[in-house]
N, C-alpha and C. Protein backbone atom coordinates (compact mmCIF):
# COMPACT_ATOMS: atom_id res chain seq x y z
N MET A 1 -4.65 30.54 -8.73
CA MET A 1 -4.84 29.38 -8.96
C MET A 1 -6.10 29.11 -9.27
N PRO A 2 -5.65 27.85 -10.49
CA PRO A 2 -7.21 27.38 -11.21
C PRO A 2 -8.29 26.39 -10.63
N GLN A 3 -9.40 27.15 -10.74
CA GLN A 3 -10.54 26.18 -9.87
C GLN A 3 -9.92 24.35 -9.98
N SER A 4 -9.88 23.90 -11.11
CA SER A 4 -9.18 22.83 -10.90
C SER A 4 -8.24 22.04 -10.06
N ALA A 5 -7.29 22.95 -9.85
CA ALA A 5 -6.58 22.82 -8.87
C ALA A 5 -6.34 23.16 -7.53
N ASP A 6 -8.29 23.97 -7.42
CA ASP A 6 -8.39 23.75 -5.93
C ASP A 6 -8.87 22.05 -5.51
N ARG A 7 -10.00 21.98 -6.32
CA ARG A 7 -10.75 21.24 -6.27
C ARG A 7 -9.22 19.91 -5.99
N LEU A 8 -8.64 20.28 -6.60
CA LEU A 8 -7.92 18.80 -6.65
C LEU A 8 -7.00 18.32 -5.60
N SER A 9 -6.02 20.29 -4.77
CA SER A 9 -5.47 20.06 -3.44
C SER A 9 -6.87 19.37 -2.51
N ALA A 10 -8.38 20.28 -2.34
CA ALA A 10 -9.23 19.92 -1.80
C ALA A 10 -9.35 18.30 -1.88
N MET A 11 -9.56 17.34 -2.59
CA MET A 11 -9.85 15.88 -2.45
C MET A 11 -8.34 15.27 -2.07
N SER A 12 -7.24 16.03 -2.21
CA SER A 12 -6.10 15.22 -1.37
C SER A 12 -6.05 15.29 -0.22
N VAL A 13 -6.74 16.86 0.13
CA VAL A 13 -7.13 16.57 1.48
C VAL A 13 -8.19 15.54 2.38
N VAL A 14 -8.66 15.55 1.77
CA VAL A 14 -10.19 14.15 2.06
C VAL A 14 -9.01 13.34 2.42
N GLY A 15 -8.79 12.63 0.98
CA GLY A 15 -8.67 11.61 1.13
C GLY A 15 -7.54 11.20 1.89
N TYR A 16 -6.23 12.15 2.49
CA TYR A 16 -5.45 11.74 3.69
C TYR A 16 -5.98 11.96 4.79
N LEU A 17 -7.47 13.14 5.01
CA LEU A 17 -8.11 12.11 6.28
C LEU A 17 -9.02 11.21 5.97
N TRP A 18 -9.55 10.71 5.34
CA TRP A 18 -10.43 9.93 5.18
C TRP A 18 -9.36 8.66 5.29
N ALA A 19 -8.02 8.37 4.81
CA ALA A 19 -7.27 7.60 5.10
C ALA A 19 -6.63 7.30 6.11
N PHE A 20 -6.63 8.55 7.17
CA PHE A 20 -6.18 8.71 8.17
C PHE A 20 -5.82 7.38 9.05
N PRO A 21 -7.10 6.51 9.63
CA PRO A 21 -6.75 5.54 10.56
C PRO A 21 -5.91 4.75 10.20
N CYS A 22 -5.95 4.21 8.44
CA CYS A 22 -5.46 3.15 8.74
C CYS A 22 -3.63 3.31 8.58
N THR A 23 -3.41 4.83 8.01
CA THR A 23 -2.26 5.81 7.98
C THR A 23 -1.73 5.29 10.08
N LEU A 24 -2.14 5.84 10.21
CA LEU A 24 -2.05 5.97 11.63
C LEU A 24 -1.21 4.13 12.38
N ILE A 25 -1.62 2.92 11.51
CA ILE A 25 -1.39 2.13 12.33
C ILE A 25 -0.73 1.39 11.13
N GLY A 26 -0.42 2.24 9.99
CA GLY A 26 1.67 2.28 8.85
C GLY A 26 2.58 2.79 9.91
N LEU A 27 2.14 3.75 10.63
CA LEU A 27 2.67 4.59 10.76
C LEU A 27 3.65 4.16 12.12
N LEU A 28 2.51 3.61 13.02
CA LEU A 28 2.89 3.23 14.49
C LEU A 28 3.73 1.56 14.31
N ILE A 29 3.29 1.05 12.81
CA ILE A 29 4.61 -0.42 12.62
C ILE A 29 5.87 0.85 12.23
N GLY A 30 5.45 1.44 11.10
CA GLY A 30 6.87 1.93 10.60
C GLY A 30 7.74 2.63 12.24
N LEU A 31 7.09 2.94 12.62
CA LEU A 31 7.83 3.48 14.01
C LEU A 31 8.69 2.34 14.65
N LEU A 32 8.19 1.68 14.66
CA LEU A 32 8.47 0.29 15.35
C LEU A 32 10.21 -0.05 14.69
N GLY A 33 9.81 -0.49 13.19
CA GLY A 33 10.53 -0.16 12.62
C GLY A 33 11.67 0.71 12.49
N LEU A 34 11.50 1.76 12.57
CA LEU A 34 12.40 2.52 13.38
C LEU A 34 13.67 2.64 14.01
N ALA A 35 12.76 1.84 15.45
CA ALA A 35 13.24 1.77 16.75
C ALA A 35 14.04 0.62 16.60
N THR A 36 13.73 -0.46 15.84
CA THR A 36 14.92 -1.68 15.67
C THR A 36 15.34 -1.62 14.35
N GLY A 37 16.45 -0.45 13.92
CA GLY A 37 17.49 -0.51 13.13
C GLY A 37 16.57 0.19 11.62
N GLY A 38 15.32 0.20 10.91
CA GLY A 38 14.51 0.52 10.01
C GLY A 38 15.09 1.98 9.63
N ARG A 39 14.77 2.61 8.66
CA ARG A 39 14.72 3.88 7.75
C ARG A 39 13.91 4.07 7.31
N ALA A 40 13.44 5.14 6.95
CA ALA A 40 11.95 5.60 5.97
C ALA A 40 12.58 6.84 5.69
N GLN A 41 11.30 7.03 4.50
CA GLN A 41 11.52 8.74 3.34
C GLN A 41 10.46 8.55 2.89
N LEU A 42 10.19 9.96 2.51
CA LEU A 42 8.83 10.44 1.64
C LEU A 42 8.96 10.81 -0.05
N VAL A 43 8.22 9.84 -0.30
CA VAL A 43 8.31 9.89 -1.48
C VAL A 43 6.43 9.65 -2.36
N GLU A 44 6.58 11.20 -2.77
CA GLU A 44 5.25 11.63 -3.30
C GLU A 44 3.65 11.05 -2.38
N GLY A 45 4.34 11.69 -1.35
CA GLY A 45 3.43 11.84 -0.34
C GLY A 45 3.06 11.18 0.66
N VAL A 46 3.72 9.84 0.79
CA VAL A 46 3.69 8.62 1.21
C VAL A 46 4.68 8.35 2.01
N VAL A 47 4.35 7.79 2.94
CA VAL A 47 5.57 7.07 4.09
C VAL A 47 6.39 5.96 4.27
N GLU A 48 7.46 5.58 3.11
CA GLU A 48 8.12 4.57 3.31
C GLU A 48 8.71 3.98 4.18
N PHE A 49 8.73 2.83 4.79
CA PHE A 49 9.20 2.20 5.74
C PHE A 49 10.36 1.21 5.69
N TRP A 50 11.77 0.80 5.65
CA TRP A 50 11.72 -0.48 5.25
C TRP A 50 13.15 -0.69 6.86
N GLY A 51 13.51 -2.24 6.57
CA GLY A 51 14.31 -2.68 7.21
C GLY A 51 13.66 -2.65 8.96
N GLY A 52 14.80 -4.00 9.43
CA GLY A 52 14.89 -3.37 10.87
C GLY A 52 13.38 -4.59 11.16
N LEU A 53 12.32 -4.56 12.24
CA LEU A 53 11.34 -4.92 12.80
C LEU A 53 10.78 -5.00 11.20
N ILE A 54 10.54 -4.29 10.70
CA ILE A 54 9.22 -4.65 9.04
C ILE A 54 9.94 -5.85 8.51
N ALA A 55 11.14 -5.66 8.18
CA ALA A 55 11.23 -7.05 7.05
C ALA A 55 11.00 -8.19 7.55
N TRP A 56 11.05 -8.38 9.28
CA TRP A 56 11.05 -9.82 9.48
C TRP A 56 9.88 -9.85 9.36
N LEU A 57 8.38 -9.07 9.73
CA LEU A 57 7.24 -9.28 9.46
C LEU A 57 6.59 -9.19 8.18
N LEU A 58 7.46 -8.55 7.55
CA LEU A 58 6.75 -8.58 5.93
C LEU A 58 7.25 -10.02 5.35
N ARG A 59 8.70 -11.00 5.97
CA ARG A 59 8.83 -12.07 5.14
C ARG A 59 8.06 -13.13 5.95
N ARG A 60 7.16 -12.74 6.89
CA ARG A 60 6.87 -13.35 7.03
C ARG A 60 4.73 -13.52 6.95
N VAL A 61 4.77 -12.53 6.22
CA VAL A 61 3.34 -12.63 5.07
C VAL A 61 2.04 -13.98 5.00
N PRO A 62 1.50 -14.15 6.02
CA PRO A 62 0.81 -15.62 5.56
C PRO A 62 -0.04 -15.93 4.06
N LEU A 63 0.22 -17.01 3.28
CA LEU A 63 -0.42 -17.25 2.03
C LEU A 63 -0.03 -16.52 1.26
N ILE A 64 0.67 -15.58 0.54
CA ILE A 64 2.15 -16.32 -0.24
C ILE A 64 3.14 -15.96 -0.10
N GLY A 65 3.61 -16.54 1.99
CA GLY A 65 5.13 -16.81 1.66
C GLY A 65 5.86 -15.76 1.59
N GLY A 66 5.25 -14.41 2.22
CA GLY A 66 6.21 -13.46 2.83
C GLY A 66 5.58 -12.58 1.20
N ALA A 67 6.01 -11.10 1.79
CA ALA A 67 5.76 -10.27 0.90
C ALA A 67 7.00 -8.71 0.79
N GLU A 68 7.14 -8.54 -0.27
CA GLU A 68 8.34 -7.30 -0.54
C GLU A 68 8.08 -5.80 -0.04
N ALA A 69 6.74 -5.49 0.44
CA ALA A 69 6.11 -4.65 0.44
C ALA A 69 4.42 -4.85 0.86
N MET A 70 4.14 -3.93 1.52
CA MET A 70 2.71 -3.74 1.49
C MET A 70 2.11 -2.61 2.30
N THR A 71 0.91 -2.21 1.92
CA THR A 71 0.69 -0.54 2.09
C THR A 71 -0.59 -0.68 3.32
N ILE A 72 -0.57 0.58 3.86
CA ILE A 72 -1.72 0.51 5.86
C ILE A 72 -1.32 2.09 4.89
N GLY A 73 -2.70 2.57 4.59
CA GLY A 73 -2.65 3.81 4.49
C GLY A 73 -1.89 4.52 3.32
N HIS A 74 -1.10 6.11 3.76
CA HIS A 74 -0.50 6.64 3.40
C HIS A 74 0.55 6.06 3.76
N VAL A 75 0.95 5.10 4.02
CA VAL A 75 2.42 4.64 4.92
C VAL A 75 2.66 2.76 3.34
N VAL A 76 3.66 2.88 3.33
CA VAL A 76 4.08 1.75 2.38
C VAL A 76 5.88 0.86 3.32
N LEU A 77 5.42 -0.01 3.72
CA LEU A 77 5.91 -0.76 4.53
C LEU A 77 6.91 -1.90 3.34
N GLY A 78 9.06 -1.79 3.52
CA GLY A 78 9.70 -2.17 2.79
C GLY A 78 10.31 -3.83 3.63
N GLN A 79 10.84 -4.65 2.99
CA GLN A 79 11.43 -5.34 3.26
C GLN A 79 12.59 -4.75 3.79
N THR A 80 13.38 -4.03 2.66
CA THR A 80 14.36 -3.02 2.11
C THR A 80 14.26 -1.85 0.85
N PHE A 81 15.39 -1.13 0.74
CA PHE A 81 14.97 0.10 0.08
C PHE A 81 14.96 -0.23 -1.22
N ILE A 82 15.41 -1.67 -2.23
CA ILE A 82 15.52 -1.86 -2.86
C ILE A 82 13.73 -2.74 -3.68
N SER A 83 13.17 -3.14 -2.52
CA SER A 83 11.71 -3.99 -2.62
C SER A 83 10.89 -2.22 -2.87
N LEU A 84 11.24 -0.97 -1.97
CA LEU A 84 10.15 0.02 -1.98
C LEU A 84 10.39 0.30 -4.02
N GLU A 85 11.47 0.17 -4.04
CA GLU A 85 11.58 0.86 -5.78
C GLU A 85 11.02 -0.12 -6.34
N LEU A 86 11.36 -1.23 -6.10
CA LEU A 86 10.60 -2.53 -7.43
C LEU A 86 9.39 -2.40 -7.05
N THR A 87 8.50 -2.35 -6.06
CA THR A 87 6.89 -2.62 -5.86
C THR A 87 6.53 -1.40 -5.30
N ARG A 88 6.94 0.17 -6.29
CA ARG A 88 6.15 1.62 -4.91
C ARG A 88 5.17 1.98 -6.36
N ARG A 89 4.68 1.29 -7.23
CA ARG A 89 4.07 1.81 -8.39
C ARG A 89 2.63 0.49 -7.90
N HIS A 90 3.46 -0.26 -7.97
CA HIS A 90 1.65 -1.03 -7.01
C HIS A 90 1.36 -0.73 -6.25
N GLU A 91 2.19 -0.36 -5.16
CA GLU A 91 1.91 0.32 -3.82
C GLU A 91 1.56 1.34 -4.13
N HIS A 92 1.27 2.21 -4.35
CA HIS A 92 0.95 3.28 -5.02
C HIS A 92 -0.85 3.40 -5.73
N VAL A 93 -0.64 2.22 -5.85
CA VAL A 93 -2.33 2.11 -6.59
C VAL A 93 -2.80 1.89 -4.95
N HIS A 94 -2.63 1.07 -4.23
CA HIS A 94 -3.51 0.67 -2.92
C HIS A 94 -3.22 1.90 -2.50
N VAL A 95 -2.54 3.17 -2.44
CA VAL A 95 -3.19 4.37 -1.47
C VAL A 95 -3.72 4.79 -1.47
N ARG A 96 -3.51 4.92 -3.61
CA ARG A 96 -5.34 5.35 -3.94
C ARG A 96 -6.75 4.75 -3.43
N GLN A 97 -6.31 3.04 -3.06
CA GLN A 97 -7.73 2.32 -3.10
C GLN A 97 -7.94 2.96 -1.50
N TYR A 98 -6.53 2.91 -0.44
CA TYR A 98 -7.16 3.43 0.67
C TYR A 98 -8.01 4.43 1.22
N GLU A 99 -7.36 6.09 -0.02
CA GLU A 99 -8.25 7.08 -0.14
C GLU A 99 -10.07 6.98 -0.72
N ARG A 100 -9.81 5.79 -1.54
CA ARG A 100 -10.74 5.95 -2.11
C ARG A 100 -12.34 5.13 -0.95
N TRP A 101 -11.39 4.16 -0.54
CA TRP A 101 -12.13 3.19 0.95
C TRP A 101 -12.07 3.49 1.90
N GLY A 102 -11.15 4.31 2.34
CA GLY A 102 -10.73 4.85 3.85
C GLY A 102 -10.55 3.32 4.67
N ILE A 103 -11.15 3.00 5.80
CA ILE A 103 -11.08 2.66 6.84
C ILE A 103 -11.82 1.04 6.28
N LEU A 104 -12.69 1.43 5.22
CA LEU A 104 -13.17 0.34 4.85
C LEU A 104 -12.30 -0.89 4.38
N PHE A 105 -10.84 -0.56 3.34
CA PHE A 105 -10.51 -0.99 2.92
C PHE A 105 -9.71 -2.37 3.82
N PHE A 106 -9.88 -2.58 5.09
CA PHE A 106 -9.34 -3.55 5.90
C PHE A 106 -10.58 -4.63 5.91
N ILE A 107 -11.96 -4.27 5.82
CA ILE A 107 -12.89 -5.00 6.07
C ILE A 107 -12.79 -5.70 4.41
N ILE A 108 -13.19 -4.42 3.68
CA ILE A 108 -13.09 -4.91 1.79
C ILE A 108 -12.49 -6.31 2.08
N TYR A 109 -10.91 -5.57 2.26
CA TYR A 109 -9.62 -6.96 1.50
C TYR A 109 -9.74 -8.14 2.11
N PHE A 110 -9.87 -7.98 3.77
CA PHE A 110 -9.84 -9.47 4.89
C PHE A 110 -11.45 -10.08 4.61
N GLY A 111 -12.38 -9.42 4.41
CA GLY A 111 -13.44 -10.20 4.20
C GLY A 111 -13.69 -10.86 2.89
N LEU A 112 -13.19 -10.03 1.63
CA LEU A 112 -12.92 -11.03 0.41
C LEU A 112 -12.23 -12.05 0.46
N MET A 113 -11.09 -12.32 1.44
CA MET A 113 -10.42 -13.19 0.95
C MET A 113 -10.73 -14.73 1.52
N PRO A 114 -11.82 -15.08 2.45
CA PRO A 114 -12.28 -16.33 2.67
C PRO A 114 -13.64 -16.38 1.52
N TRP A 115 -13.56 -15.68 0.63
CA TRP A 115 -14.79 -15.86 -0.37
C TRP A 115 -13.92 -15.93 -1.43
N LEU A 116 -13.48 -15.47 -1.94
CA LEU A 116 -12.04 -15.64 -2.81
C LEU A 116 -12.33 -17.50 -2.77
N TRP A 117 -11.11 -18.08 -1.49
CA TRP A 117 -10.64 -18.97 -1.00
C TRP A 117 -11.80 -19.68 -1.42
N TRP A 118 -12.93 -19.66 -1.02
CA TRP A 118 -14.32 -20.74 -0.97
C TRP A 118 -15.18 -20.87 -1.81
N LYS A 119 -14.45 -19.74 -3.17
CA LYS A 119 -14.81 -19.53 -4.69
C LYS A 119 -13.72 -20.89 -5.18
N GLY A 120 -12.76 -21.11 -4.62
CA GLY A 120 -11.97 -21.61 -5.25
C GLY A 120 -10.70 -21.43 -6.00
N ALA A 121 -10.44 -19.49 -5.88
CA ALA A 121 -9.67 -18.63 -6.20
C ALA A 121 -8.53 -17.96 -5.48
N HIS A 122 -7.77 -17.49 -5.82
CA HIS A 122 -6.05 -17.63 -4.92
C HIS A 122 -6.94 -16.12 -4.02
N PRO A 123 -6.67 -16.83 -2.19
CA PRO A 123 -7.01 -14.92 -1.82
C PRO A 123 -6.25 -13.93 -2.00
N TYR A 124 -4.82 -13.63 -2.24
CA TYR A 124 -3.97 -12.48 -2.99
C TYR A 124 -4.19 -11.93 -3.99
N PHE A 125 -3.84 -13.10 -5.56
CA PHE A 125 -3.24 -13.01 -6.38
C PHE A 125 -4.98 -12.68 -7.23
N ASP A 126 -5.72 -13.26 -6.60
CA ASP A 126 -6.90 -13.38 -7.30
C ASP A 126 -8.13 -12.16 -6.69
N HIS A 127 -7.73 -11.53 -5.61
CA HIS A 127 -8.09 -10.16 -4.69
C HIS A 127 -8.17 -9.52 -6.23
N PRO A 128 -9.59 -9.08 -5.81
CA PRO A 128 -9.64 -7.49 -7.21
C PRO A 128 -8.56 -5.91 -7.01
N PHE A 129 -8.77 -5.71 -4.93
CA PHE A 129 -7.55 -4.62 -5.07
C PHE A 129 -5.94 -4.83 -5.84
N GLU A 130 -5.13 -6.56 -5.48
CA GLU A 130 -4.44 -6.43 -5.76
C GLU A 130 -4.19 -6.40 -7.60
N VAL A 131 -5.51 -7.54 -7.79
CA VAL A 131 -5.41 -7.40 -9.52
C VAL A 131 -5.67 -5.79 -10.07
N GLU A 132 -6.26 -5.46 -9.75
CA GLU A 132 -6.22 -3.33 -10.23
C GLU A 132 -4.74 -3.37 -9.83
N ALA A 133 -4.03 -3.05 -8.81
CA ALA A 133 -3.06 -2.48 -8.28
C ALA A 133 -1.89 -3.39 -9.52
N PHE A 134 -1.93 -4.73 -9.76
CA PHE A 134 -1.06 -5.50 -11.22
C PHE A 134 -1.03 -4.96 -11.81
N ARG A 135 -2.60 -4.75 -12.74
CA ARG A 135 -2.50 -4.10 -13.53
C ARG A 135 -2.01 -2.75 -14.42
N GLU A 136 -2.22 -1.74 -13.22
CA GLU A 136 -1.81 -1.02 -13.12
C GLU A 136 -0.67 -0.28 -13.15
N ALA A 137 0.49 -1.03 -12.21
CA ALA A 137 1.69 -1.24 -12.38
C ALA A 137 2.14 -1.40 -14.12
N ASP A 138 1.88 -2.84 -14.06
CA ASP A 138 2.05 -3.22 -15.16
C ASP A 138 1.84 -2.12 -17.06
N GLN A 139 1.11 -1.32 -16.70
CA GLN A 139 0.98 -0.19 -17.50
C GLN A 139 1.39 0.45 -17.45
N THR A 140 1.84 0.79 -16.61
CA THR A 140 2.80 1.76 -16.25
C THR A 140 4.29 1.70 -16.78
N ASP A 141 4.51 0.50 -16.41
CA ASP A 141 5.86 0.13 -16.08
C ASP A 141 6.11 -0.62 -17.82
N GLN A 142 5.17 -1.13 -18.54
CA GLN A 142 5.37 -1.16 -20.12
C GLN A 142 5.47 0.45 -20.86
N GLY A 143 4.57 1.61 -20.04
CA GLY A 143 4.97 2.62 -20.62
C GLY A 143 6.55 3.05 -20.60
N ASP A 144 7.06 2.69 -19.73
CA ASP A 144 8.73 3.40 -20.06
C ASP A 144 9.14 2.71 -20.88
N PHE A 145 8.77 1.70 -21.68
CA PHE A 145 9.84 0.95 -22.89
C PHE A 145 9.40 1.12 -23.68
N VAL A 146 8.75 2.12 -24.10
CA VAL A 146 7.87 3.22 -25.30
C VAL A 146 8.63 3.95 -26.15
């Protein structure tokens, strides 16, 4: 195996471990979803859950009037299977952000929201993590049509 592949796999392990405390929270929520009729699948190293209690919770996310999906570590929670298909690129940007920031993701994400609101910006749509995810997902989507 080439040295770069060794480094890549080592970085993947570090990313999973660094994000694991967050992933554990996502897995617990996902298990609640499964216990209430939800489903799960593994896509590109990320566990995706949808339906059941998860759908009910996501419809009630504050600030944006509900969410189709959200990411917690290496777990993506979606209202429906279609929600996950439509938001996968965006949510996988958040997975990489969790790999970069680990448990600090929660502190940074939720810590910036009041500051953004105070500055007159939208706490969700103007959030740097969301801006990055929307931008990268849009760039990827445009590439599909070339």
